[in-house]
Amino acid sequence: MGGRAQRTRRGRGGGVAGVLGLAALAALAWAARDVPAALGGRLAGARAERVRRSPQFHDGAFHNPADVRTTIADPGRNLVWELLFGQQRRRPTRPVPLLRPSPGSGDERELAVVWYGHASALVEIEGRRVLVDPVWSDRCSPSQVVGPRRLHAPPVRLDELPPVDAVLISHDHYDHLDMATVRRLRDTQSAPFLVPLGIGAHLDRWGVPADRIVELDWAESHRVAGLTITATAAQHFSGRGLRRDGTLWGSWVVAGAHRRVFYTGDSGYFPGYAEIGETYGPFDVTLTQIGAYDRAWPNIHMFPEEAVAAHLDVRGGLLVPVHWCTFNLALHDWAEPVNRLWREAKARGVRLAVPRPGERVTVDAPPPVDAWWDHIA
């Protein structure tokens, strides 16, 4: 009798464990349900053939202008330990202040930038609007359960954006190309997506109509809404899964009849900036990457001092820093990029605007730098 009762208890316990195990597997499957789609599409057909013809593509992958190392390495340093136990202040201590963008003046000669956080921004140029690297999801990851999470909310909802004339994507990393955001813009906007070569495969998989996908190689341009938008070089890499460099990365030039804007995308500092400045500059404003750098990957993200050098190389007027504040993607202090940038800008006489997320910067009359981040760092 006692043995039968003990077996019964074990059986019930095993049954409970089995139910819990099935529940855990179901939860895991639910959490991962969007991951295969988020990884994006595969090159095929005419798109793959066009990629193979690119001067940047050889030996089965895209390459940077110079032969530089794009892998992460720092001999003698334990990056995982530093990530988990390092003493850096990689998050703000208080909520990041958010603003709702002020309305524009309606002057078609006005040039303005609305920064939404990280690399997401809206360029208002000569009465047109260009949305850059929009990421509205809570995490920059193929999963919305794991991966780097936002340090602040988007300052506006996607459906609160005004109608835009073009959406620019610099490359296919998750903090610059987000499936959920793309799908939402597919449904709420009618603008074309301008992307480097190969990224159209991702947009195809996510249901963006073919007539709204414009893929460009470096130095190729597309006219939209009276603007000339040109894909230009950058020093970086690409990939959303195990394969690297199957799609191209780049920077962007947005030129109207009177005003010009340059966006670096993600890039290490390289001689190509001077060439871009000579060919397409000068620029009224640059959106320049400053964050997520480290000596373990010096060739793929600029240090703040290099960002100032790049801005000067391209012959920029006002510098608006991007790629900081929103996601914790490196080992430096949260406020270190902008503090270093401000020091270097003052030392080299560079005009600088550091907006709060959601703040609209009028390029000809930018707000003074007020170190708003100091109060929450």
Protein backbone atom coordinates (compact mmCIF):
# COMPACT_ATOMS: atom_id res chain seq x y z
CA MET A 1 0.00 0.00 0.00
CA GLY A 2 2.72 2.44 0.98
CA GLY A 3 4.70 1.60 -2.14
CA ARG A 4 1.64 2.17 -4.33
CA ALA A 5 1.03 5.59 -2.70
CA GLN A 6 4.67 6.53 -3.18
CA ARG A 7 4.51 5.56 -6.86
CA THR A 8 1.31 7.60 -7.19
CA ARG A 9 2.97 10.67 -5.66
CA ARG A 10 5.94 10.22 -8.00
CA GLY A 11 3.57 9.87 -10.91
CA ARG A 12 1.71 13.02 -9.96
CA GLY A 13 4.99 14.85 -9.49
CA GLY A 14 6.20 13.65 -12.86
CA GLY A 15 2.91 14.75 -14.38
CA VAL A 16 3.25 18.24 -12.91
CA ALA A 17 6.85 18.45 -14.08
CA GLY A 18 5.78 17.36 -17.54
CA VAL A 19 3.06 20.00 -17.69
CA LEU A 20 5.50 22.67 -16.53
CA GLY A 21 8.02 21.50 -19.09
CA LEU A 22 5.46 21.68 -21.87
CA ALA A 23 4.41 25.12 -20.67
CA ALA A 24 8.02 26.27 -20.71
CA LEU A 25 8.51 24.94 -24.23
CA ALA A 26 5.31 26.62 -25.36
CA ALA A 27 6.46 29.90 -23.83
CA LEU A 28 9.82 29.58 -25.54
CA ALA A 29 8.17 28.82 -28.86
CA TRP A 30 5.86 31.84 -28.43
CA ALA A 31 8.79 34.11 -27.60
CA ALA A 32 10.72 32.90 -30.65
CA ARG A 33 7.81 32.92 -33.08
CA ASP A 34 8.99 36.03 -34.97
CA VAL A 35 12.70 35.23 -34.96
CA PRO A 36 12.85 33.38 -38.33
CA ALA A 37 11.12 36.26 -40.12
CA ALA A 38 13.21 38.87 -38.29
CA LEU A 39 16.38 37.27 -39.63
CA GLY A 40 15.27 38.55 -43.02
CA GLY A 41 15.30 37.24 -46.56
CA ARG A 42 17.85 35.53 -48.76
CA LEU A 43 19.32 36.89 -51.97
CA ALA A 44 18.05 35.24 -55.12
CA GLY A 45 17.42 35.89 -58.78
CA ALA A 46 18.01 39.34 -60.25
CA ARG A 47 18.82 40.82 -56.83
CA ALA A 48 21.60 38.31 -56.22
CA GLU A 49 22.98 38.89 -59.72
CA ARG A 50 23.06 42.65 -59.16
CA VAL A 51 24.89 42.13 -55.86
CA ARG A 52 27.51 39.99 -57.60
CA ARG A 53 28.16 42.81 -60.10
CA SER A 54 28.93 45.35 -57.37
CA PRO A 55 32.57 46.54 -57.16
CA GLN A 56 32.21 46.14 -53.39
CA PHE A 57 31.33 42.43 -53.68
CA HIS A 58 33.88 39.69 -54.22
CA ASP A 59 34.80 36.32 -52.76
CA GLY A 60 31.16 35.83 -51.79
CA ALA A 61 30.78 38.93 -49.58
CA PHE A 62 30.82 42.71 -49.48
CA HIS A 63 34.06 44.39 -48.45
CA ASN A 64 35.18 47.73 -47.06
CA PRO A 65 37.24 50.15 -49.16
CA ALA A 66 40.36 49.19 -47.20
CA ASP A 67 41.30 45.78 -45.85
CA VAL A 68 40.47 46.35 -42.16
CA ARG A 69 39.56 43.98 -39.37
CA THR A 70 35.85 44.14 -38.49
CA THR A 71 35.81 41.32 -35.93
CA ILE A 72 35.84 42.01 -32.20
CA ALA A 73 39.15 41.27 -30.51
CA ASP A 74 41.24 42.62 -27.63
CA PRO A 75 43.91 40.14 -26.50
CA GLY A 76 44.28 39.80 -22.75
CA ARG A 77 40.91 41.39 -22.04
CA ASN A 78 37.79 39.48 -20.95
CA LEU A 79 35.00 41.38 -22.68
CA VAL A 80 32.26 39.11 -21.32
CA TRP A 81 33.44 39.62 -17.73
CA GLU A 82 33.63 43.37 -18.32
CA LEU A 83 30.15 43.37 -19.79
CA LEU A 84 28.72 41.55 -16.78
CA PHE A 85 30.78 43.01 -13.94
CA GLY A 86 32.43 46.17 -15.27
CA GLN A 87 32.12 49.35 -13.23
CA GLN A 88 31.04 51.60 -16.10
CA ARG A 89 27.81 53.56 -15.69
CA ARG A 90 26.20 52.26 -18.83
CA ARG A 91 22.69 53.43 -18.01
CA PRO A 92 21.25 56.79 -16.98
CA THR A 93 20.32 57.09 -13.30
CA ARG A 94 17.05 58.89 -14.03
CA PRO A 95 14.53 58.89 -16.88
CA VAL A 96 15.75 60.35 -20.16
CA PRO A 97 13.80 63.57 -20.88
CA LEU A 98 11.60 63.26 -23.95
CA LEU A 99 10.13 66.07 -26.03
CA ARG A 100 7.40 66.17 -28.62
CA PRO A 101 8.69 67.75 -31.82
CA SER A 102 7.63 71.35 -32.33
CA PRO A 103 5.90 72.12 -35.64
CA GLY A 104 7.95 73.53 -38.48
CA SER A 105 7.57 77.04 -39.82
CA GLY A 106 6.34 75.89 -43.24
CA ASP A 107 9.23 77.68 -44.94
CA GLU A 108 10.42 75.46 -47.78
CA ARG A 109 13.97 76.79 -47.38
CA GLU A 110 14.07 75.67 -43.74
CA LEU A 111 16.24 72.71 -42.78
CA ALA A 112 15.57 70.83 -39.53
CA VAL A 113 16.33 67.52 -37.83
CA VAL A 114 14.16 65.68 -35.32
CA TRP A 115 16.16 63.10 -33.38
CA TYR A 116 14.06 60.26 -31.93
CA GLY A 117 16.89 58.43 -30.18
CA HIS A 118 19.79 56.20 -31.25
CA ALA A 119 20.13 56.58 -35.03
CA SER A 120 16.46 57.29 -35.78
CA ALA A 121 15.85 60.78 -37.10
CA LEU A 122 13.61 62.81 -39.38
CA VAL A 123 15.24 65.23 -41.80
CA GLU A 124 13.00 68.09 -42.91
CA ILE A 125 14.56 69.58 -46.03
CA GLU A 126 12.96 72.08 -48.41
CA GLY A 127 9.43 71.02 -47.54
CA ARG A 128 10.21 67.28 -47.77
CA ARG A 129 10.70 64.71 -45.03
CA VAL A 130 13.21 61.86 -44.96
CA LEU A 131 13.08 59.27 -42.17
CA VAL A 132 16.44 57.73 -41.25
CA ASP A 133 17.05 54.27 -39.69
CA PRO A 134 13.71 54.09 -37.85
CA VAL A 135 13.65 51.65 -34.91
CA TRP A 136 10.59 51.83 -32.65
CA SER A 137 10.67 48.36 -31.08
CA ASP A 138 11.45 47.83 -27.42
CA ARG A 139 14.54 45.76 -28.22
CA CYS A 140 17.08 45.83 -31.06
CA SER A 141 17.09 42.09 -31.50
CA PRO A 142 15.43 39.36 -33.58
CA SER A 143 13.45 38.62 -30.41
CA GLN A 144 11.41 41.03 -28.34
CA VAL A 145 12.08 38.88 -25.25
CA VAL A 146 15.89 38.99 -25.18
CA GLY A 147 18.43 41.48 -26.46
CA PRO A 148 19.34 45.13 -25.78
CA ARG A 149 16.32 46.98 -24.46
CA ARG A 150 15.47 50.64 -24.81
CA LEU A 151 16.63 53.03 -22.13
CA HIS A 152 13.81 55.40 -23.03
CA ALA A 153 10.52 55.15 -24.90
CA PRO A 154 10.16 56.55 -28.41
CA PRO A 155 9.16 60.22 -28.02
CA VAL A 156 6.27 59.77 -30.49
CA ARG A 157 4.31 56.81 -31.78
CA LEU A 158 4.94 55.61 -35.31
CA ASP A 159 1.38 56.51 -36.30
CA GLU A 160 2.04 60.06 -35.10
CA LEU A 161 4.76 60.62 -37.68
CA PRO A 162 3.86 63.02 -40.47
CA PRO A 163 3.82 61.72 -44.04
CA VAL A 164 7.39 61.10 -45.17
CA ASP A 165 8.83 61.16 -48.69
CA ALA A 166 11.54 58.54 -48.21
CA VAL A 167 12.84 56.07 -45.62
CA LEU A 168 16.61 55.52 -45.56
CA ILE A 169 18.30 52.46 -44.08
CA SER A 170 22.08 52.48 -43.55
CA HIS A 171 22.60 48.73 -43.02
CA ASP A 172 20.83 45.63 -41.74
CA HIS A 173 21.91 45.43 -38.09
CA TYR A 174 19.00 45.24 -35.66
CA ASP A 175 19.54 48.68 -34.14
CA HIS A 176 19.10 50.21 -37.63
CA LEU A 177 16.68 47.89 -39.40
CA ASP A 178 13.72 46.64 -37.37
CA MET A 179 11.12 44.29 -38.81
CA ALA A 180 8.16 45.51 -36.74
CA THR A 181 8.91 49.14 -37.55
CA VAL A 182 9.27 48.40 -41.26
CA ARG A 183 5.98 46.53 -41.34
CA ARG A 184 4.23 49.38 -39.57
CA LEU A 185 5.67 51.95 -41.97
CA ARG A 186 4.66 49.70 -44.84
CA ASP A 187 1.06 50.06 -43.69
CA THR A 188 0.98 53.68 -42.46
CA GLN A 189 3.20 55.42 -45.02
CA SER A 190 3.51 55.33 -48.81
CA ALA A 191 7.16 56.39 -49.08
CA PRO A 192 9.82 54.27 -50.78
CA PHE A 193 12.55 52.56 -48.76
CA LEU A 194 16.02 53.44 -50.01
CA VAL A 195 18.51 50.78 -48.92
CA PRO A 196 22.01 49.51 -49.76
CA LEU A 197 22.31 46.53 -52.09
CA GLY A 198 20.82 43.28 -50.83
CA ILE A 199 18.66 44.72 -48.05
CA GLY A 200 15.66 44.58 -50.36
CA ALA A 201 15.55 40.83 -49.67
CA HIS A 202 14.67 41.56 -46.04
CA LEU A 203 11.99 44.06 -47.04
CA ASP A 204 10.55 41.56 -49.53
CA ARG A 205 10.15 38.98 -46.78
CA TRP A 206 8.40 41.56 -44.59
CA GLY A 207 5.82 42.39 -47.25
CA VAL A 208 7.08 45.72 -48.56
CA PRO A 209 5.85 46.10 -52.17
CA ALA A 210 8.56 45.82 -54.80
CA ASP A 211 7.76 49.29 -56.17
CA ARG A 212 8.62 50.79 -52.77
CA ILE A 213 12.12 49.23 -52.59
CA VAL A 214 15.06 51.11 -54.08
CA GLU A 215 18.45 49.37 -53.69
CA LEU A 216 21.59 51.40 -54.33
CA ASP A 217 25.29 50.72 -54.53
CA TRP A 218 27.80 53.31 -53.35
CA ALA A 219 27.79 56.45 -55.55
CA GLU A 220 24.35 55.60 -56.98
CA SER A 221 21.57 58.17 -56.64
CA HIS A 222 17.79 58.18 -56.72
CA ARG A 223 15.47 61.14 -57.22
CA VAL A 224 12.43 61.30 -54.98
CA ALA A 225 10.13 64.24 -54.24
CA GLY A 226 12.59 66.70 -55.73
CA LEU A 227 15.51 65.42 -53.64
CA THR A 228 18.62 63.62 -54.86
CA ILE A 229 19.51 60.86 -52.41
CA THR A 230 22.87 59.16 -52.85
CA ALA A 231 24.31 56.08 -51.19
CA THR A 232 27.91 56.69 -50.14
CA ALA A 233 30.66 54.63 -48.58
CA ALA A 234 31.14 53.60 -44.95
CA GLN A 235 33.51 51.27 -43.10
CA HIS A 236 31.41 48.70 -41.30
CA PHE A 237 29.89 45.22 -41.81
CA SER A 238 26.46 43.60 -42.01
CA GLY A 239 24.47 40.53 -41.05
CA ARG A 240 21.38 39.50 -39.09
CA GLY A 241 22.28 35.85 -38.49
CA LEU A 242 25.33 33.63 -38.82
CA ARG A 243 26.33 34.96 -42.23
CA ARG A 244 28.24 38.24 -42.37
CA ASP A 245 28.51 40.83 -45.13
CA GLY A 246 25.89 39.41 -47.47
CA THR A 247 24.30 42.87 -47.77
CA LEU A 248 25.93 46.26 -48.25
CA TRP A 249 26.24 49.02 -45.65
CA GLY A 250 26.65 52.72 -46.28
CA SER A 251 26.17 56.38 -45.50
CA TRP A 252 23.71 58.77 -47.16
CA VAL A 253 23.68 62.16 -48.84
CA VAL A 254 20.32 63.97 -49.01
CA ALA A 255 20.48 66.96 -51.35
CA GLY A 256 17.81 69.48 -52.21
CA ALA A 257 18.08 72.46 -54.50
CA HIS A 258 19.71 74.56 -51.78
CA ARG A 259 20.44 72.41 -48.71
CA ARG A 260 22.50 69.26 -48.11
CA VAL A 261 22.56 66.67 -45.33
CA PHE A 262 25.01 63.85 -44.64
CA TYR A 263 24.35 60.81 -42.44
CA THR A 264 27.32 58.61 -41.55
CA GLY A 265 25.43 55.43 -40.75
CA ASP A 266 27.68 53.18 -38.66
CA SER A 267 31.32 53.44 -39.62
CA GLY A 268 34.86 53.50 -38.46
CA TYR A 269 36.86 56.58 -39.36
CA PHE A 270 38.33 56.22 -42.86
CA PRO A 271 39.72 58.31 -45.74
CA GLY A 272 36.44 58.05 -47.62
CA TYR A 273 34.99 60.94 -45.63
CA ALA A 274 37.30 63.43 -47.32
CA GLU A 275 36.28 62.00 -50.70
CA ILE A 276 32.59 62.34 -49.82
CA GLY A 277 33.14 65.94 -48.76
CA GLU A 278 34.96 66.73 -51.98
CA THR A 279 32.33 65.08 -54.19
CA TYR A 280 29.06 65.92 -52.44
CA GLY A 281 29.79 68.60 -49.82
CA PRO A 282 29.68 71.00 -48.21
CA PHE A 283 26.81 69.96 -45.94
CA ASP A 284 24.58 72.19 -43.86
CA VAL A 285 24.27 69.47 -41.20
CA THR A 286 25.70 66.03 -40.50
CA LEU A 287 24.08 63.26 -38.47
CA THR A 288 27.21 61.63 -37.12
CA GLN A 289 27.62 58.36 -35.20
CA ILE A 290 29.35 58.82 -31.83
CA GLY A 291 28.46 55.87 -29.57
CA ALA A 292 29.03 52.12 -29.11
CA TYR A 293 32.78 52.35 -29.69
CA ASP A 294 35.56 50.37 -28.05
CA ARG A 295 39.23 49.66 -28.68
CA ALA A 296 38.19 46.03 -29.29
CA TRP A 297 36.37 47.10 -32.48
CA PRO A 298 38.06 50.37 -33.55
CA ASN A 299 37.41 49.97 -37.27
CA ILE A 300 33.60 49.74 -37.26
CA HIS A 301 32.44 52.54 -34.93
CA MET A 302 33.99 55.97 -34.58
CA PHE A 303 35.28 57.34 -31.32
CA PRO A 304 33.79 60.79 -30.58
CA GLU A 305 36.99 62.59 -31.56
CA GLU A 306 36.94 60.75 -34.88
CA ALA A 307 33.32 61.79 -35.36
CA VAL A 308 34.40 65.44 -35.21
CA ALA A 309 37.19 64.69 -37.69
CA ALA A 310 34.71 62.99 -40.04
CA HIS A 311 32.36 65.98 -39.79
CA LEU A 312 35.21 68.29 -40.78
CA ASP A 313 36.34 65.95 -43.56
CA VAL A 314 32.92 66.03 -45.23
CA ARG A 315 32.81 69.82 -44.80
CA GLY A 316 29.89 69.82 -42.41
CA GLY A 317 28.24 72.86 -40.84
CA LEU A 318 26.20 71.81 -37.79
CA LEU A 319 26.96 68.45 -36.18
CA VAL A 320 24.05 66.50 -34.65
CA PRO A 321 25.28 63.36 -32.86
CA VAL A 322 23.38 60.09 -33.22
CA HIS A 323 23.85 56.46 -32.18
CA TRP A 324 23.92 57.07 -28.45
CA CYS A 325 21.51 57.40 -25.47
CA THR A 326 18.89 54.78 -26.40
CA PHE A 327 20.49 51.30 -26.34
CA ASN A 328 23.29 49.92 -24.19
CA LEU A 329 25.56 48.45 -26.87
CA ALA A 330 29.10 48.95 -25.57
CA LEU A 331 31.21 49.12 -22.43
CA HIS A 332 31.67 52.87 -22.05
CA ASP A 333 29.68 55.09 -19.67
CA TRP A 334 26.28 56.14 -20.98
CA ALA A 335 27.21 59.84 -21.19
CA GLU A 336 30.84 59.41 -22.23
CA PRO A 337 30.27 59.73 -26.00
CA VAL A 338 28.55 63.09 -25.81
CA ASN A 339 30.96 64.47 -23.20
CA ARG A 340 33.96 63.58 -25.34
CA LEU A 341 32.23 64.92 -28.44
CA TRP A 342 31.46 68.27 -26.77
CA ARG A 343 35.07 68.72 -25.66
CA GLU A 344 36.42 67.94 -29.12
CA ALA A 345 33.85 70.13 -30.88
CA LYS A 346 34.80 73.10 -28.69
CA ALA A 347 38.50 72.45 -29.23
CA ARG A 348 38.09 72.38 -33.02
CA GLY A 349 35.47 75.12 -33.39
CA VAL A 350 32.69 72.84 -34.63
CA ARG A 351 29.05 73.96 -34.31
CA LEU A 352 27.17 71.37 -32.25
CA ALA A 353 23.57 70.65 -31.27
CA VAL A 354 22.75 67.87 -28.79
CA PRO A 355 18.96 67.48 -28.78
CA ARG A 356 16.88 65.53 -26.32
CA PRO A 357 14.98 62.63 -27.93
CA GLY A 358 12.09 64.15 -29.82
CA GLU A 359 13.59 67.64 -29.99
CA ARG A 360 13.46 69.46 -33.32
CA VAL A 361 16.66 71.26 -34.27
CA THR A 362 16.46 74.09 -36.78
CA VAL A 363 19.85 73.96 -38.47
CA ASP A 364 20.17 77.71 -39.00
CA ALA A 365 19.23 78.49 -35.38
CA PRO A 366 20.11 75.45 -33.25
CA PRO A 367 19.53 75.39 -29.49
CA PRO A 368 22.62 75.98 -27.34
CA VAL A 369 24.27 72.90 -25.86
CA ASP A 370 23.04 72.77 -22.26
CA ALA A 371 24.47 69.44 -21.01
CA TRP A 372 20.98 68.12 -20.22
CA TRP A 373 22.45 64.60 -19.93
CA ASP A 374 24.62 65.56 -16.96
CA HIS A 375 21.59 65.63 -14.66
CA ILE A 376 20.72 62.00 -15.31
CA ALA A 377 24.11 60.37 -16.05
